[in-house]
């Protein structure tokens, strides 16, 4: 029986690494633009429609929660771009069908990772509601009312500061938990425990470059949200491909290109 993939240490990287990943991923994106952009467009449309539905039902608070929630759920949605990155690495051009239905992602360990991310997201939403409830006795039913409260009152600014602090800590923990583990689980020999250990090891061995990478991802998410999620068409597959490159850069590889057992 094959042993599960394990990683005892992570490769050391420099501060330039995140920009190298982005540059390489940008080239990868345009090597097979149609499937990647179609995948990104699907994510963008779904995100916009969900946000629009929340907006028209005046659940304004949840638009903010949804935007932040991308940090928690995006790694599972990005299995398609990860698979595309793996195909390009092997000299093959991925198809939309291939990256939309990633067979390697339909296994128990990936489900465990997704369940863990979902639980973290639910914890974040609970904290967000507590912070909102502790900041005001008024239920803001429209977007203008909520925005006016959030940016125009001391209680609103306190809510934003506190929520950002709590959300930032949870988001960084989630980043450390999943930055390597999600793409690593495309390897059928990898289990969720070894993959998450490798992910944390990659961050703890490279704290400054990985913090920069987390900040870049956060900035891109905010840019996408500010565009009404339209820019996710490009940003989502781009970051997914860059994350695949990050995984391949961080996790030691043997001569065959596979993770050492």
Protein backbone atom coordinates (compact mmCIF):
# COMPACT_ATOMS: atom_id res chain seq x y z
CA UNK A 1 0.00 0.00 0.00
CA UNK A 2 1.31 3.45 -0.87
CA UNK A 3 2.26 5.59 2.04
CA UNK A 4 0.47 8.89 2.49
CA UNK A 5 2.30 11.94 1.35
CA UNK A 6 4.08 13.68 4.18
CA UNK A 7 6.22 16.79 4.45
CA UNK A 8 8.77 17.29 7.18
CA UNK A 9 9.89 20.76 6.07
CA UNK A 10 8.98 23.47 3.61
CA UNK A 11 11.20 25.08 1.02
CA UNK A 12 12.44 28.53 1.98
CA UNK A 13 11.34 31.37 -0.28
CA UNK A 14 12.16 35.07 -0.58
CA UNK A 15 9.95 38.13 -0.55
CA UNK A 16 9.90 38.15 -4.35
CA UNK A 17 8.18 34.74 -4.50
CA UNK A 18 4.55 35.95 -4.41
CA UNK A 19 5.23 38.27 -7.35
CA UNK A 20 6.92 35.43 -9.22
CA UNK A 21 3.85 33.26 -8.64
CA UNK A 22 1.57 35.98 -9.94
CA UNK A 23 3.74 36.57 -13.00
CA UNK A 24 3.93 32.88 -13.84
CA UNK A 25 0.19 32.44 -13.24
CA UNK A 26 -0.60 35.38 -15.52
CA UNK A 27 1.27 33.62 -18.32
CA UNK A 28 -0.51 30.36 -17.47
CA UNK A 29 -3.89 32.09 -17.65
CA UNK A 30 -3.29 33.17 -21.24
CA UNK A 31 -2.00 29.78 -22.31
CA UNK A 32 -5.60 28.51 -22.00
CA UNK A 33 -7.72 31.66 -21.65
CA UNK A 34 -11.13 30.32 -22.68
CA UNK A 35 -11.57 27.61 -20.02
CA UNK A 36 -10.02 29.68 -17.24
CA UNK A 37 -11.99 32.86 -18.01
CA UNK A 38 -15.20 30.86 -18.45
CA UNK A 39 -14.60 29.28 -15.05
CA UNK A 40 -13.91 32.70 -13.52
CA UNK A 41 -17.02 34.13 -15.17
CA UNK A 42 -19.14 31.40 -13.62
CA UNK A 43 -17.77 32.23 -10.17
CA UNK A 44 -18.29 35.96 -10.82
CA UNK A 45 -21.90 35.52 -11.96
CA UNK A 46 -22.76 33.30 -9.00
CA UNK A 47 -21.14 35.78 -6.58
CA UNK A 48 -22.93 38.76 -8.13
CA UNK A 49 -26.33 37.06 -8.12
CA UNK A 50 -25.92 35.98 -4.51
CA UNK A 51 -24.88 39.48 -3.46
CA UNK A 52 -27.72 41.01 -5.48
CA UNK A 53 -30.25 38.71 -3.84
CA UNK A 54 -28.94 39.68 -0.41
CA UNK A 55 -29.02 43.36 -1.36
CA UNK A 56 -32.60 43.40 -2.69
CA UNK A 57 -33.83 41.59 0.40
CA UNK A 58 -32.14 44.33 2.48
CA UNK A 59 -29.88 41.84 4.26
CA UNK A 60 -27.15 44.47 3.94
CA UNK A 61 -24.94 43.10 6.72
CA UNK A 62 -24.59 39.80 4.89
CA UNK A 63 -23.07 41.43 1.80
CA UNK A 64 -20.07 42.35 3.98
CA UNK A 65 -19.98 38.88 5.51
CA UNK A 66 -20.16 37.28 2.06
CA UNK A 67 -17.24 39.36 0.79
CA UNK A 68 -15.02 38.41 3.71
CA UNK A 69 -16.22 34.83 3.42
CA UNK A 70 -14.38 34.38 0.14
CA UNK A 71 -11.22 33.91 2.15
CA UNK A 72 -12.79 30.83 3.75
CA UNK A 73 -14.53 29.16 0.80
CA UNK A 74 -12.43 30.15 -2.22
CA UNK A 75 -9.76 27.43 -1.78
CA UNK A 76 -12.32 24.69 -2.45
CA UNK A 77 -13.83 26.59 -5.40
CA UNK A 78 -10.30 26.97 -6.78
CA UNK A 79 -9.82 23.23 -7.28
CA UNK A 80 -10.53 23.86 -10.97
CA UNK A 81 -7.66 26.32 -11.49
CA UNK A 82 -5.39 24.07 -9.40
CA UNK A 83 -6.16 21.21 -11.77
CA UNK A 84 -5.57 23.52 -14.71
CA UNK A 85 -2.19 24.50 -13.30
CA UNK A 86 -1.26 20.86 -12.89
CA UNK A 87 -2.20 20.14 -16.51
CA UNK A 88 -0.16 23.06 -17.82
CA UNK A 89 2.78 21.86 -15.75
CA UNK A 90 2.53 18.52 -17.56
CA UNK A 91 2.49 20.25 -20.94
CA UNK A 92 -1.25 19.78 -21.53
CA UNK A 93 -3.90 22.43 -22.13
CA UNK A 94 -6.85 22.05 -19.76
CA UNK A 95 -10.43 22.08 -20.98
CA UNK A 96 -13.42 23.70 -19.30
CA UNK A 97 -14.91 20.27 -18.60
CA UNK A 98 -11.69 19.14 -16.95
CA UNK A 99 -11.42 22.10 -14.57
CA UNK A 100 -15.16 22.23 -13.88
CA UNK A 101 -15.34 18.57 -12.84
CA UNK A 102 -12.14 17.71 -10.99
CA UNK A 103 -12.47 14.04 -10.19
CA UNK A 104 -9.53 14.11 -7.78
CA UNK A 105 -11.44 16.60 -5.63
CA UNK A 106 -14.30 14.18 -5.00
CA UNK A 107 -12.81 12.19 -2.17
CA UNK A 108 -13.06 12.02 1.58
CA UNK A 109 -10.02 14.11 2.48
CA UNK A 110 -11.12 17.04 0.33
CA UNK A 111 -14.58 16.81 1.90
CA UNK A 112 -13.00 16.99 5.36
CA UNK A 113 -11.06 20.10 4.34
CA UNK A 114 -14.19 21.72 2.92
CA UNK A 115 -16.15 20.89 6.08
CA UNK A 116 -13.43 22.45 8.24
CA UNK A 117 -13.48 25.63 6.14
CA UNK A 118 -17.26 25.77 6.33
CA UNK A 119 -17.14 25.48 10.11
CA UNK A 120 -14.56 28.29 10.30
CA UNK A 121 -16.81 30.43 8.11
CA UNK A 122 -19.81 29.81 10.36
CA UNK A 123 -17.71 30.78 13.38
CA UNK A 124 -16.70 33.99 11.58
CA UNK A 125 -20.32 34.87 10.77
CA UNK A 126 -21.28 34.32 14.41
CA UNK A 127 -18.51 36.64 15.58
CA UNK A 128 -19.53 39.20 12.96
CA UNK A 129 -23.12 39.18 14.19
CA UNK A 130 -21.98 39.53 17.80
CA UNK A 131 -19.76 42.52 16.92
CA UNK A 132 -22.60 44.14 14.95
CA UNK A 133 -25.10 43.53 17.71
CA UNK A 134 -22.73 44.90 20.36
CA UNK A 135 -22.15 48.06 18.30
CA UNK A 136 -25.74 49.24 17.84
CA UNK A 137 -29.27 48.72 19.05
CA UNK A 138 -30.64 49.66 15.62
CA UNK A 139 -31.25 47.20 12.79
CA UNK A 140 -30.11 48.88 9.57
CA UNK A 141 -32.43 47.59 6.87
CA UNK A 142 -30.98 49.30 3.78
CA UNK A 143 -27.50 49.62 2.35
CA UNK A 144 -27.37 53.45 2.70
CA UNK A 145 -28.40 53.20 6.35
CA UNK A 146 -25.81 50.52 7.09
CA UNK A 147 -23.02 52.38 5.27
CA UNK A 148 -23.93 55.64 7.02
CA UNK A 149 -23.74 53.88 10.37
CA UNK A 150 -20.51 52.02 9.57
CA UNK A 151 -18.46 54.97 8.31
CA UNK A 152 -20.24 57.93 9.83
CA UNK A 153 -20.60 57.11 13.52
CA UNK A 154 -18.11 56.24 16.30
CA UNK A 155 -19.97 53.00 17.00
CA UNK A 156 -19.84 52.06 13.32
CA UNK A 157 -16.12 52.73 13.09
CA UNK A 158 -15.59 50.68 16.24
CA UNK A 159 -17.59 47.86 14.65
CA UNK A 160 -15.44 47.97 11.51
CA UNK A 161 -12.20 48.05 13.49
CA UNK A 162 -13.21 45.20 15.80
CA UNK A 163 -14.69 43.11 13.02
CA UNK A 164 -11.62 43.64 10.85
CA UNK A 165 -9.31 42.61 13.68
CA UNK A 166 -11.24 39.43 14.48
CA UNK A 167 -11.80 38.63 10.81
CA UNK A 168 -8.16 39.27 9.99
CA UNK A 169 -6.93 36.87 12.65
CA UNK A 170 -9.36 34.17 11.54
CA UNK A 171 -8.59 34.78 7.87
CA UNK A 172 -4.85 34.43 8.45
CA UNK A 173 -5.37 31.22 10.39
CA UNK A 174 -7.50 29.92 7.53
CA UNK A 175 -4.85 31.00 5.04
CA UNK A 176 -2.18 29.06 6.96
CA UNK A 177 -4.53 26.09 7.17
CA UNK A 178 -5.32 25.88 3.47
CA UNK A 179 -2.71 27.71 1.35
CA UNK A 180 -0.86 24.48 0.58
CA UNK A 181 -3.33 21.84 1.73
CA UNK A 182 -6.03 22.51 -0.89
CA UNK A 183 -3.84 22.10 -4.00
CA UNK A 184 -1.86 19.32 -2.30
CA UNK A 185 -5.02 17.23 -1.93
CA UNK A 186 -5.20 16.81 -5.69
CA UNK A 187 -2.49 14.20 -5.08
CA UNK A 188 -4.43 11.00 -4.25
CA UNK A 189 -1.63 9.95 -1.87
CA UNK A 190 -2.05 13.05 0.29
CA UNK A 191 -4.35 12.97 3.31
CA UNK A 192 -5.91 15.97 4.97
CA UNK A 193 -3.73 15.74 8.09
CA UNK A 194 -0.43 15.67 6.21
CA UNK A 195 -1.66 18.39 3.85
CA UNK A 196 -2.70 20.79 6.59
CA UNK A 197 0.54 20.12 8.47
CA UNK A 198 2.48 20.96 5.31
CA UNK A 199 0.42 24.13 4.92
CA UNK A 200 1.14 25.38 8.43
CA UNK A 201 4.80 24.42 8.01
CA UNK A 202 5.04 26.45 4.82
CA UNK A 203 3.74 29.54 6.62
CA UNK A 204 5.78 29.15 9.80
CA UNK A 205 8.99 28.53 7.83
CA UNK A 206 8.35 31.58 5.63
CA UNK A 207 6.39 34.04 7.78
CA UNK A 208 7.17 37.29 5.95
CA UNK A 209 6.75 36.12 2.34
CA UNK A 210 3.60 34.20 3.21
CA UNK A 211 2.14 37.16 5.08
CA UNK A 212 2.80 39.23 1.96
CA UNK A 213 1.05 36.57 -0.12
CA UNK A 214 -1.94 36.63 2.23
CA UNK A 215 -2.10 40.43 1.97
CA UNK A 216 -1.99 40.27 -1.84
CA UNK A 217 -4.85 37.77 -1.89
CA UNK A 218 -6.86 39.98 0.48
CA UNK A 219 -6.31 43.05 -1.70
CA UNK A 220 -7.41 41.17 -4.81
CA UNK A 221 -10.56 39.97 -3.04
CA UNK A 222 -11.43 43.55 -2.06
CA UNK A 223 -10.80 44.76 -5.62
CA UNK A 224 -13.09 42.04 -6.95
CA UNK A 225 -15.81 42.94 -4.43
CA UNK A 226 -15.52 46.64 -5.31
CA UNK A 227 -16.16 45.76 -8.96
CA UNK A 228 -19.38 44.01 -8.09
CA UNK A 229 -17.44 40.74 -8.37
CA UNK A 230 -17.07 41.25 -12.14
CA UNK A 231 -13.28 41.19 -11.91
CA UNK A 232 -13.45 37.72 -10.40
CA UNK A 233 -13.64 36.59 -14.02
CA UNK A 234 -9.90 37.21 -14.24
CA UNK A 235 -8.83 37.41 -10.60
CA UNK A 236 -10.21 34.06 -9.48
CA UNK A 237 -8.44 31.81 -12.00
CA UNK A 238 -5.33 33.99 -11.81
CA UNK A 239 -5.04 33.57 -8.04
CA UNK A 240 -5.90 29.87 -8.32
CA UNK A 241 -3.06 29.31 -10.79
CA UNK A 242 -0.72 31.38 -8.61
CA UNK A 243 -1.68 29.28 -5.60
CA UNK A 244 -0.80 26.11 -7.51
CA UNK A 245 2.62 27.63 -8.25
CA UNK A 246 2.97 28.56 -4.58
CA UNK A 247 2.28 24.98 -3.54
CA UNK A 248 4.81 23.61 -6.00
CA UNK A 249 7.38 26.16 -4.80
CA UNK A 250 6.84 25.51 -1.10
CA UNK A 251 6.46 21.74 -0.83
CA UNK A 252 9.67 19.76 -1.45
CA UNK A 253 9.52 17.67 -4.61
CA UNK A 254 11.52 14.59 -5.46
CA UNK A 255 13.10 13.88 -8.82
CA UNK A 256 9.85 12.54 -10.28
CA UNK A 257 8.01 15.74 -9.45
CA UNK A 258 5.89 14.13 -6.74
CA UNK A 259 5.85 14.92 -3.07
CA UNK A 260 8.20 12.69 -1.12
CA UNK A 261 6.47 10.06 1.00
